[in-house]
């Protein structure tokens, strides 16, 4: 298990990568610091588990976005959904077009 300081630093890095560096808004990092200080006062293992889950979600979310942009650059959303469905063995349903009701 990683140390709380290591998890905290990794959380701040992910927040800075995804939110702060994109729009310059420090609100996410400030909120995380406040939550971390409040949680450290009653240092329960459930708080550490929650922080680890949040870190895993943020990291996975960022990696998912990177993969989508790498494999489907400049592709319309409908085509991207259809190709993703085919990749996992499914077929996307036809979308309804009110102009041609066939």
Protein backbone atom coordinates (compact mmCIF):
# COMPACT_ATOMS: atom_id res chain seq x y z
CA UNK A 1 0.00 0.00 0.00
CA UNK A 2 1.29 3.45 -0.84
CA UNK A 3 1.86 6.14 1.71
CA UNK A 4 -0.73 8.90 2.19
CA UNK A 5 1.76 11.54 1.04
CA UNK A 6 2.44 9.65 -2.17
CA UNK A 7 -1.28 9.30 -2.88
CA UNK A 8 -1.84 12.99 -2.13
CA UNK A 9 0.93 14.07 -4.51
CA UNK A 10 -0.39 11.80 -7.26
CA UNK A 11 -3.91 13.18 -6.77
CA UNK A 12 -2.66 16.75 -7.07
CA UNK A 13 -0.68 15.84 -10.20
CA UNK A 14 -3.74 14.32 -11.86
CA UNK A 15 -5.91 17.28 -10.90
CA UNK A 16 -3.33 19.69 -12.28
CA UNK A 17 -3.03 17.70 -15.52
CA UNK A 18 -6.74 17.45 -16.16
CA UNK A 19 -8.25 20.60 -14.71
CA UNK A 20 -5.81 23.28 -13.59
CA UNK A 21 -3.48 23.27 -16.60
CA UNK A 22 -6.42 23.21 -19.02
CA UNK A 23 -8.31 26.27 -17.81
CA UNK A 24 -6.15 27.78 -15.07
CA UNK A 25 -8.82 27.18 -12.43
CA UNK A 26 -7.23 26.24 -9.09
CA UNK A 27 -10.60 25.38 -7.46
CA UNK A 28 -10.14 21.61 -7.84
CA UNK A 29 -6.68 21.62 -6.27
CA UNK A 30 -7.84 23.91 -3.46
CA UNK A 31 -10.85 21.70 -2.75
CA UNK A 32 -8.65 18.60 -2.71
CA UNK A 33 -6.26 20.22 -0.23
CA UNK A 34 -9.13 21.20 2.07
CA UNK A 35 -10.62 17.70 1.93
CA UNK A 36 -7.22 16.12 2.56
CA UNK A 37 -6.56 18.27 5.64
CA UNK A 38 -10.04 17.54 7.02
CA UNK A 39 -9.62 13.81 6.40
CA UNK A 40 -6.13 13.65 7.89
CA UNK A 41 -7.44 14.78 11.25
CA UNK A 42 -9.45 11.57 11.66
CA UNK A 43 -6.99 9.46 9.61
CA UNK A 44 -9.21 6.45 8.89
CA UNK A 45 -8.28 3.77 6.40
CA UNK A 46 -11.58 4.36 4.59
CA UNK A 47 -10.40 7.87 3.69
CA UNK A 48 -7.23 6.44 2.20
CA UNK A 49 -9.27 3.87 0.29
CA UNK A 50 -11.55 6.61 -1.07
CA UNK A 51 -8.53 8.70 -2.12
CA UNK A 52 -7.04 5.70 -3.91
CA UNK A 53 -10.34 5.11 -5.72
CA UNK A 54 -10.55 8.75 -6.79
CA UNK A 55 -6.98 8.59 -8.06
CA UNK A 56 -7.73 5.42 -10.04
CA UNK A 57 -10.82 7.06 -11.56
CA UNK A 58 -8.97 10.23 -12.56
CA UNK A 59 -6.06 8.29 -14.06
CA UNK A 60 -8.33 5.92 -15.97
CA UNK A 61 -10.45 8.79 -17.22
CA UNK A 62 -7.39 10.60 -18.58
CA UNK A 63 -6.01 7.45 -20.23
CA UNK A 64 -9.41 6.72 -21.80
CA UNK A 65 -9.49 10.19 -23.33
CA UNK A 66 -5.97 9.75 -24.68
CA UNK A 67 -6.87 6.41 -26.27
CA UNK A 68 -10.05 7.77 -27.83
CA UNK A 69 -8.20 10.71 -29.37
CA UNK A 70 -5.42 8.40 -30.60
CA UNK A 71 -7.63 5.77 -32.22
CA UNK A 72 -10.45 8.00 -33.45
CA UNK A 73 -8.99 11.35 -34.45
CA UNK A 74 -11.49 13.79 -35.97
CA UNK A 75 -14.20 11.16 -36.33
CA UNK A 76 -17.88 12.03 -35.87
CA UNK A 77 -19.38 10.74 -32.64
CA UNK A 78 -21.84 8.42 -34.38
CA UNK A 79 -19.09 6.69 -36.34
CA UNK A 80 -16.93 6.43 -33.23
CA UNK A 81 -19.76 4.76 -31.27
CA UNK A 82 -20.47 2.38 -34.13
CA UNK A 83 -16.81 1.34 -34.46
CA UNK A 84 -16.46 0.90 -30.71
CA UNK A 85 -19.53 -1.34 -30.64
CA UNK A 86 -18.16 -3.47 -33.47
CA UNK A 87 -14.80 -3.76 -31.72
CA UNK A 88 -16.43 -5.48 -28.73
CA UNK A 89 -18.68 -7.69 -30.86
CA UNK A 90 -21.88 -5.65 -30.83
CA UNK A 91 -23.81 -3.86 -33.51
CA UNK A 92 -25.12 -0.38 -32.82
CA UNK A 93 -28.82 0.15 -33.60
CA UNK A 94 -29.78 2.36 -36.50
CA UNK A 95 -30.49 5.91 -35.44
CA UNK A 96 -33.89 7.40 -36.15
CA UNK A 97 -34.01 10.04 -38.85
CA UNK A 98 -37.35 11.92 -38.94
CA UNK A 99 -36.74 13.10 -42.52
CA UNK A 100 -36.62 9.57 -43.94
CA UNK A 101 -38.93 7.31 -41.87
CA UNK A 102 -37.98 4.01 -43.51
